[in-house]
Protein backbone atom coordinates (compact mmCIF):
# COMPACT_ATOMS: atom_id res chain seq x y z
CA UNK A 1 0.00 0.00 0.00
CA UNK A 2 1.46 3.34 -0.98
CA UNK A 3 1.16 6.47 1.10
CA UNK A 4 -0.41 9.37 -0.73
CA UNK A 5 -0.48 12.93 0.39
CA UNK A 6 -3.92 14.50 0.24
CA UNK A 7 -4.71 18.18 0.54
CA UNK A 8 -7.87 19.34 2.24
CA UNK A 9 -9.18 22.67 0.99
CA UNK A 10 -11.92 24.67 2.70
CA UNK A 11 -13.97 26.94 0.44
CA UNK A 12 -16.75 29.49 0.92
CA UNK A 13 -19.27 28.49 -1.74
CA UNK A 14 -22.00 30.93 -2.79
CA UNK A 15 -24.61 28.63 -4.37
CA UNK A 16 -25.34 25.04 -5.27
CA UNK A 17 -24.31 25.58 -8.91
CA UNK A 18 -20.80 26.53 -7.76
CA UNK A 19 -20.80 23.43 -5.56
CA UNK A 20 -21.68 21.17 -8.48
CA UNK A 21 -19.09 22.87 -10.72
CA UNK A 22 -16.32 22.15 -8.19
CA UNK A 23 -17.44 18.51 -7.90
CA UNK A 24 -17.52 18.13 -11.71
CA UNK A 25 -13.99 19.51 -11.93
CA UNK A 26 -12.83 17.05 -9.23
CA UNK A 27 -14.33 14.15 -11.18
CA UNK A 28 -12.69 15.36 -14.37
CA UNK A 29 -9.24 15.83 -12.81
CA UNK A 30 -9.06 13.02 -10.22
CA UNK A 31 -11.67 10.38 -11.10
CA UNK A 32 -12.53 8.70 -7.79
CA UNK A 33 -9.39 9.85 -5.94
CA UNK A 34 -11.07 12.68 -4.04
CA UNK A 35 -13.72 13.28 -1.39
CA UNK A 36 -15.84 16.17 -0.17
CA UNK A 37 -18.15 17.27 2.59
CA UNK A 38 -21.66 15.89 2.33
CA UNK A 39 -25.10 17.51 2.64
CA UNK A 40 -23.97 20.89 1.29
CA UNK A 41 -27.03 21.26 -0.95
CA UNK A 42 -29.25 20.91 2.15
CA UNK A 43 -27.34 23.73 3.81
CA UNK A 44 -28.04 25.92 0.77
CA UNK A 45 -31.72 25.04 0.95
CA UNK A 46 -31.81 26.23 4.56
CA UNK A 47 -30.03 29.56 3.98
CA UNK A 48 -31.20 30.54 0.50
CA UNK A 49 -33.24 33.48 1.80
CA UNK A 50 -30.43 35.03 3.86
CA UNK A 51 -28.74 38.23 2.67
CA UNK A 52 -25.32 36.71 1.90
CA UNK A 53 -25.70 32.94 1.51
CA UNK A 54 -22.34 31.18 1.76
CA UNK A 55 -21.57 27.67 2.91
CA UNK A 56 -18.14 26.57 4.06
CA UNK A 57 -17.29 23.16 2.58
CA UNK A 58 -14.15 21.05 2.22
CA UNK A 59 -12.69 19.00 -0.62
CA UNK A 60 -9.86 16.49 -0.19
CA UNK A 61 -7.75 15.96 -3.33
CA UNK A 62 -4.27 14.61 -4.21
CA UNK A 63 -3.07 17.86 -5.88
CA UNK A 64 -1.66 20.76 -3.87
CA UNK A 65 -2.42 23.26 -6.66
CA UNK A 66 -6.13 22.46 -6.80
CA UNK A 67 -7.14 25.26 -4.40
CA UNK A 68 -5.74 28.04 -6.55
CA UNK A 69 -6.96 26.41 -9.78
CA UNK A 70 -10.56 25.96 -8.65
CA UNK A 71 -10.67 29.45 -7.12
CA UNK A 72 -9.72 30.97 -10.47
CA UNK A 73 -11.95 28.68 -12.52
CA UNK A 74 -15.19 28.82 -10.51
CA UNK A 75 -14.90 31.90 -8.30
CA UNK A 76 -15.15 30.10 -4.96
CA UNK A 77 -13.29 31.66 -2.03
CA UNK A 78 -10.42 29.62 -0.58
CA UNK A 79 -10.52 29.72 3.24
CA UNK A 80 -7.67 27.40 4.22
CA UNK A 81 -5.64 24.33 3.25
CA UNK A 82 -4.43 21.30 5.23
CA UNK A 83 -2.06 18.48 4.22
CA UNK A 84 -2.34 14.89 5.39
CA UNK A 85 -0.96 11.50 4.42
CA UNK A 86 -3.15 8.45 4.10
CA UNK A 87 -2.45 4.82 3.42
CA UNK A 88 -4.74 4.54 0.41
C-alpha atoms as a PDB file:
ATOM      1  CA  UNK A   1       0.000   0.000   0.000  1.00  0.00           C
ATOM      2  CA  UNK A   2       1.455   3.338  -0.976  1.00  0.00           C
ATOM      3  CA  UNK A   3       1.165   6.470   1.102  1.00  0.00           C
ATOM      4  CA  UNK A   4      -0.408   9.370  -0.729  1.00  0.00           C
ATOM      5  CA  UNK A   5      -0.483  12.934   0.394  1.00  0.00           C
ATOM      6  CA  UNK A   6      -3.921  14.501   0.244  1.00  0.00           C
ATOM      7  CA  UNK A   7      -4.708  18.182   0.540  1.00  0.00           C
ATOM      8  CA  UNK A   8      -7.871  19.336   2.241  1.00  0.00           C
ATOM      9  CA  UNK A   9      -9.184  22.669   0.990  1.00  0.00           C
ATOM     10  CA  UNK A  10     -11.916  24.667   2.696  1.00  0.00           C
ATOM     11  CA  UNK A  11     -13.968  26.941   0.437  1.00  0.00           C
ATOM     12  CA  UNK A  12     -16.750  29.492   0.921  1.00  0.00           C
ATOM     13  CA  UNK A  13     -19.266  28.490  -1.742  1.00  0.00           C
ATOM     14  CA  UNK A  14     -22.001  30.935  -2.794  1.00  0.00           C
ATOM     15  CA  UNK A  15     -24.609  28.634  -4.368  1.00  0.00           C
ATOM     16  CA  UNK A  16     -25.339  25.036  -5.267  1.00  0.00           C
ATOM     17  CA  UNK A  17     -24.305  25.578  -8.907  1.00  0.00           C
ATOM     18  CA  UNK A  18     -20.805  26.531  -7.760  1.00  0.00           C
ATOM     19  CA  UNK A  19     -20.799  23.426  -5.562  1.00  0.00           C
ATOM     20  CA  UNK A  20     -21.684  21.171  -8.483  1.00  0.00           C
ATOM     21  CA  UNK A  21     -19.091  22.872 -10.715  1.00  0.00           C
ATOM     22  CA  UNK A  22     -16.323  22.151  -8.192  1.00  0.00           C
ATOM     23  CA  UNK A  23     -17.443  18.509  -7.901  1.00  0.00           C
ATOM     24  CA  UNK A  24     -17.516  18.134 -11.706  1.00  0.00           C
ATOM     25  CA  UNK A  25     -13.991  19.512 -11.925  1.00  0.00           C
ATOM     26  CA  UNK A  26     -12.826  17.053  -9.227  1.00  0.00           C
ATOM     27  CA  UNK A  27     -14.328  14.148 -11.177  1.00  0.00           C
ATOM     28  CA  UNK A  28     -12.686  15.359 -14.375  1.00  0.00           C
ATOM     29  CA  UNK A  29      -9.243  15.825 -12.810  1.00  0.00           C
ATOM     30  CA  UNK A  30      -9.061  13.022 -10.216  1.00  0.00           C
ATOM     31  CA  UNK A  31     -11.672  10.384 -11.101  1.00  0.00           C
ATOM     32  CA  UNK A  32     -12.526   8.703  -7.791  1.00  0.00           C
ATOM     33  CA  UNK A  33      -9.389   9.850  -5.944  1.00  0.00           C
ATOM     34  CA  UNK A  34     -11.072  12.684  -4.035  1.00  0.00           C
ATOM     35  CA  UNK A  35     -13.718  13.282  -1.392  1.00  0.00           C
ATOM     36  CA  UNK A  36     -15.840  16.166  -0.168  1.00  0.00           C
ATOM     37  CA  UNK A  37     -18.154  17.270   2.587  1.00  0.00           C
ATOM     38  CA  UNK A  38     -21.657  15.895   2.328  1.00  0.00           C
ATOM     39  CA  UNK A  39     -25.102  17.514   2.635  1.00  0.00           C
ATOM     40  CA  UNK A  40     -23.971  20.885   1.293  1.00  0.00           C
ATOM     41  CA  UNK A  41     -27.033  21.263  -0.949  1.00  0.00           C
ATOM     42  CA  UNK A  42     -29.248  20.908   2.146  1.00  0.00           C
ATOM     43  CA  UNK A  43     -27.336  23.734   3.806  1.00  0.00           C
ATOM     44  CA  UNK A  44     -28.036  25.925   0.775  1.00  0.00           C
ATOM     45  CA  UNK A  45     -31.722  25.037   0.946  1.00  0.00           C
ATOM     46  CA  UNK A  46     -31.806  26.231   4.563  1.00  0.00           C
ATOM     47  CA  UNK A  47     -30.031  29.565   3.978  1.00  0.00           C
ATOM     48  CA  UNK A  48     -31.198  30.541   0.498  1.00  0.00           C
ATOM     49  CA  UNK A  49     -33.239  33.484   1.803  1.00  0.00           C
ATOM     50  CA  UNK A  50     -30.434  35.026   3.857  1.00  0.00           C
ATOM     51  CA  UNK A  51     -28.738  38.231   2.671  1.00  0.00           C
ATOM     52  CA  UNK A  52     -25.321  36.708   1.896  1.00  0.00           C
ATOM     53  CA  UNK A  53     -25.697  32.938   1.511  1.00  0.00           C
ATOM     54  CA  UNK A  54     -22.336  31.183   1.762  1.00  0.00           C
ATOM     55  CA  UNK A  55     -21.575  27.665   2.913  1.00  0.00           C
ATOM     56  CA  UNK A  56     -18.137  26.566   4.061  1.00  0.00           C
ATOM     57  CA  UNK A  57     -17.289  23.157   2.584  1.00  0.00           C
ATOM     58  CA  UNK A  58     -14.155  21.045   2.216  1.00  0.00           C
ATOM     59  CA  UNK A  59     -12.688  19.001  -0.617  1.00  0.00           C
ATOM     60  CA  UNK A  60      -9.859  16.488  -0.192  1.00  0.00           C
ATOM     61  CA  UNK A  61      -7.752  15.960  -3.327  1.00  0.00           C
ATOM     62  CA  UNK A  62      -4.267  14.611  -4.211  1.00  0.00           C
ATOM     63  CA  UNK A  63      -3.071  17.855  -5.877  1.00  0.00           C
ATOM     64  CA  UNK A  64      -1.660  20.765  -3.868  1.00  0.00           C
ATOM     65  CA  UNK A  65      -2.421  23.257  -6.659  1.00  0.00           C
ATOM     66  CA  UNK A  66      -6.132  22.465  -6.795  1.00  0.00           C
ATOM     67  CA  UNK A  67      -7.143  25.256  -4.402  1.00  0.00           C
ATOM     68  CA  UNK A  68      -5.737  28.035  -6.553  1.00  0.00           C
ATOM     69  CA  UNK A  69      -6.960  26.410  -9.779  1.00  0.00           C
ATOM     70  CA  UNK A  70     -10.560  25.957  -8.651  1.00  0.00           C
ATOM     71  CA  UNK A  71     -10.668  29.451  -7.124  1.00  0.00           C
ATOM     72  CA  UNK A  72      -9.718  30.966 -10.473  1.00  0.00           C
ATOM     73  CA  UNK A  73     -11.946  28.681 -12.523  1.00  0.00           C
ATOM     74  CA  UNK A  74     -15.185  28.818 -10.513  1.00  0.00           C
ATOM     75  CA  UNK A  75     -14.904  31.902  -8.300  1.00  0.00           C
ATOM     76  CA  UNK A  76     -15.153  30.101  -4.955  1.00  0.00           C
ATOM     77  CA  UNK A  77     -13.290  31.659  -2.028  1.00  0.00           C
ATOM     78  CA  UNK A  78     -10.416  29.623  -0.578  1.00  0.00           C
ATOM     79  CA  UNK A  79     -10.517  29.723   3.236  1.00  0.00           C
ATOM     80  CA  UNK A  80      -7.666  27.398   4.223  1.00  0.00           C
ATOM     81  CA  UNK A  81      -5.636  24.328   3.250  1.00  0.00           C
ATOM     82  CA  UNK A  82      -4.427  21.300   5.228  1.00  0.00           C
ATOM     83  CA  UNK A  83      -2.059  18.475   4.218  1.00  0.00           C
ATOM     84  CA  UNK A  84      -2.339  14.892   5.389  1.00  0.00           C
ATOM     85  CA  UNK A  85      -0.957  11.498   4.415  1.00  0.00           C
ATOM     86  CA  UNK A  86      -3.151   8.453   4.098  1.00  0.00           C
ATOM     87  CA  UNK A  87      -2.454   4.821   3.425  1.00  0.00           C
ATOM     88  CA  UNK A  88      -4.743   4.540   0.409  1.00  0.00           C
END
